[in-house]
């Protein structure tokens, strides 16, 4: 019987190859997890901001507009000035095709702010209805509010 006291080069290379594959899979999953977390975090912060804007619009009887420009979402007055410092710049690109405006706390045109989907985040869009604002998931070209 032969007594072994170490690893051969083949065994060492096999272990290194397996470790490389496992590490590659872990890095890919970590990146996807971080994208998902950033989208959800940005969506929730924007939801909080637009809910505050809706409340300001209702209590102060002012007309406010939601301006979306890539990673930045701003709440503006009728003349385009930033209202009460309500602005958020995140790490996710958001877009809207709608002119979302609050008049006395109500949304005059229903619409959606989306991140474009594809992130598998639980919340990646915000749906504006006349008297409600809800976060949801962008599925099949529409925001499925929860």
Protein backbone atom coordinates (compact mmCIF):
# COMPACT_ATOMS: atom_id res chain seq x y z
CA UNK A 1 0.00 0.00 0.00
CA UNK A 2 1.26 3.41 -0.99
CA UNK A 3 1.27 6.29 1.51
CA UNK A 4 0.16 9.68 0.03
CA UNK A 5 1.32 12.88 1.68
CA UNK A 6 -0.03 15.54 -0.72
CA UNK A 7 -2.12 16.45 -3.73
CA UNK A 8 -1.19 15.90 -7.30
CA UNK A 9 -1.26 18.76 -9.79
CA UNK A 10 -4.36 17.30 -11.46
CA UNK A 11 -6.27 17.18 -8.17
CA UNK A 12 -5.25 20.73 -7.35
CA UNK A 13 -6.35 22.00 -10.79
CA UNK A 14 -9.71 20.20 -10.49
CA UNK A 15 -10.38 21.82 -7.11
CA UNK A 16 -9.36 25.26 -8.44
CA UNK A 17 -11.68 24.85 -11.47
CA UNK A 18 -14.62 23.93 -9.27
CA UNK A 19 -13.91 26.88 -6.95
CA UNK A 20 -13.75 29.21 -9.98
CA UNK A 21 -17.14 28.04 -11.25
CA UNK A 22 -18.75 28.43 -7.81
CA UNK A 23 -17.23 31.90 -7.39
CA UNK A 24 -18.46 33.00 -10.83
CA UNK A 25 -22.01 31.91 -10.03
CA UNK A 26 -21.85 33.70 -6.66
CA UNK A 27 -20.67 36.98 -8.23
CA UNK A 28 -23.45 36.90 -10.85
CA UNK A 29 -26.10 36.23 -8.19
CA UNK A 30 -24.70 38.99 -5.97
CA UNK A 31 -24.88 41.52 -8.83
CA UNK A 32 -28.49 40.57 -9.57
CA UNK A 33 -29.35 40.84 -5.88
CA UNK A 34 -27.78 44.31 -5.65
CA UNK A 35 -29.66 45.55 -8.75
CA UNK A 36 -32.92 44.22 -7.32
CA UNK A 37 -32.26 45.83 -3.93
CA UNK A 38 -31.38 49.19 -5.51
CA UNK A 39 -34.52 49.22 -7.67
CA UNK A 40 -36.75 48.38 -4.71
CA UNK A 41 -35.07 50.97 -2.49
CA UNK A 42 -35.30 53.71 -5.13
CA UNK A 43 -38.96 52.86 -5.84
CA UNK A 44 -39.87 53.06 -2.17
CA UNK A 45 -38.06 56.38 -1.69
CA UNK A 46 -39.83 57.86 -4.71
CA UNK A 47 -43.17 56.52 -3.43
CA UNK A 48 -42.55 58.23 -0.09
CA UNK A 49 -41.62 61.49 -1.82
CA UNK A 50 -44.65 61.59 -4.14
CA UNK A 51 -46.96 60.68 -1.26
CA UNK A 52 -45.58 63.68 0.66
CA UNK A 53 -46.07 65.85 -2.43
CA UNK A 54 -49.67 64.70 -2.72
CA UNK A 55 -50.22 65.59 0.93
CA UNK A 56 -48.62 69.04 0.45
CA UNK A 57 -50.80 69.59 -2.59
CA UNK A 58 -53.91 68.75 -0.60
CA UNK A 59 -53.14 70.72 2.57
CA UNK A 60 -51.59 73.79 0.93
CA UNK A 61 -53.87 73.83 -2.14
CA UNK A 62 -50.98 74.06 -4.60
CA UNK A 63 -50.50 72.38 -7.97
CA UNK A 64 -47.42 70.16 -8.11
CA UNK A 65 -45.85 68.28 -11.00
CA UNK A 66 -43.76 65.08 -10.88
CA UNK A 67 -40.71 65.47 -13.16
CA UNK A 68 -38.81 62.30 -14.07
CA UNK A 69 -35.40 62.59 -15.70
CA UNK A 70 -33.46 59.33 -15.66
CA UNK A 71 -32.11 58.75 -12.17
CA UNK A 72 -33.66 61.97 -10.81
CA UNK A 73 -37.28 62.50 -9.77
CA UNK A 74 -38.32 65.99 -8.69
CA UNK A 75 -41.48 67.61 -7.41
CA UNK A 76 -41.93 70.98 -9.11
CA UNK A 77 -44.30 73.90 -8.84
CA UNK A 78 -46.26 75.22 -11.82
CA UNK A 79 -43.34 77.45 -12.84
CA UNK A 80 -40.82 74.56 -12.78
CA UNK A 81 -39.11 75.34 -9.46
CA UNK A 82 -38.24 72.61 -6.98
CA UNK A 83 -40.90 72.39 -4.26
CA UNK A 84 -39.81 72.12 -0.61
CA UNK A 85 -36.58 70.34 -1.56
CA UNK A 86 -38.50 67.29 -2.80
CA UNK A 87 -35.96 65.70 -5.12
CA UNK A 88 -34.42 62.26 -5.25
CA UNK A 89 -31.49 60.94 -7.26
CA UNK A 90 -31.01 57.20 -7.07
CA UNK A 91 -29.08 54.53 -8.89
CA UNK A 92 -31.98 53.37 -11.08
CA UNK A 93 -33.16 54.93 -14.35
CA UNK A 94 -36.87 55.72 -14.13
CA UNK A 95 -39.18 56.90 -16.89
CA UNK A 96 -42.74 58.02 -17.42
CA UNK A 97 -44.81 58.79 -20.46
CA UNK A 98 -47.45 60.65 -18.47
CA UNK A 99 -47.80 64.17 -17.16
CA UNK A 100 -48.37 63.44 -13.47
CA UNK A 101 -49.75 66.50 -11.69
CA UNK A 102 -51.34 66.90 -8.26
CA UNK A 103 -54.15 69.43 -7.94
CA UNK A 104 -55.52 69.76 -4.40
CA UNK A 105 -54.14 66.33 -3.58
CA UNK A 106 -55.67 64.52 -6.55
CA UNK A 107 -53.86 63.21 -9.61
CA UNK A 108 -55.25 64.94 -12.72
CA UNK A 109 -53.85 62.39 -15.19
CA UNK A 110 -53.37 58.79 -14.11
CA UNK A 111 -49.98 57.39 -15.03
CA UNK A 112 -47.00 55.28 -14.10
CA UNK A 113 -43.35 55.78 -13.21
CA UNK A 114 -41.35 52.67 -14.13
CA UNK A 115 -37.81 51.41 -13.96
CA UNK A 116 -38.29 49.53 -17.22
CA UNK A 117 -38.74 46.14 -15.56
CA UNK A 118 -36.42 43.20 -15.93
CA UNK A 119 -34.87 43.54 -12.47
CA UNK A 120 -37.18 40.95 -10.86
CA UNK A 121 -37.66 43.43 -8.01
CA UNK A 122 -40.88 43.12 -6.04
CA UNK A 123 -41.50 46.84 -6.48
CA UNK A 124 -40.22 48.54 -9.63
CA UNK A 125 -43.05 50.88 -10.66
CA UNK A 126 -45.41 53.43 -9.11
CA UNK A 127 -49.02 53.66 -10.28
CA UNK A 128 -50.82 56.99 -9.96
CA UNK A 129 -54.61 56.88 -9.86
CA UNK A 130 -56.95 59.79 -9.18
CA UNK A 131 -56.98 59.31 -5.41
CA UNK A 132 -54.31 56.61 -4.83
CA UNK A 133 -50.61 56.08 -5.34
CA UNK A 134 -49.39 52.48 -5.18
CA UNK A 135 -46.12 50.67 -5.79
CA UNK A 136 -46.11 47.50 -7.84
CA UNK A 137 -44.28 45.29 -10.27
CA UNK A 138 -43.95 46.11 -13.96
CA UNK A 139 -45.32 43.08 -15.84
CA UNK A 140 -46.36 42.78 -19.51
CA UNK A 141 -46.13 46.53 -20.12
CA UNK A 142 -48.25 47.58 -17.13
CA UNK A 143 -47.76 48.27 -13.44
CA UNK A 144 -49.34 45.53 -11.36
CA UNK A 145 -49.98 47.54 -8.17
CA UNK A 146 -50.12 45.72 -4.86
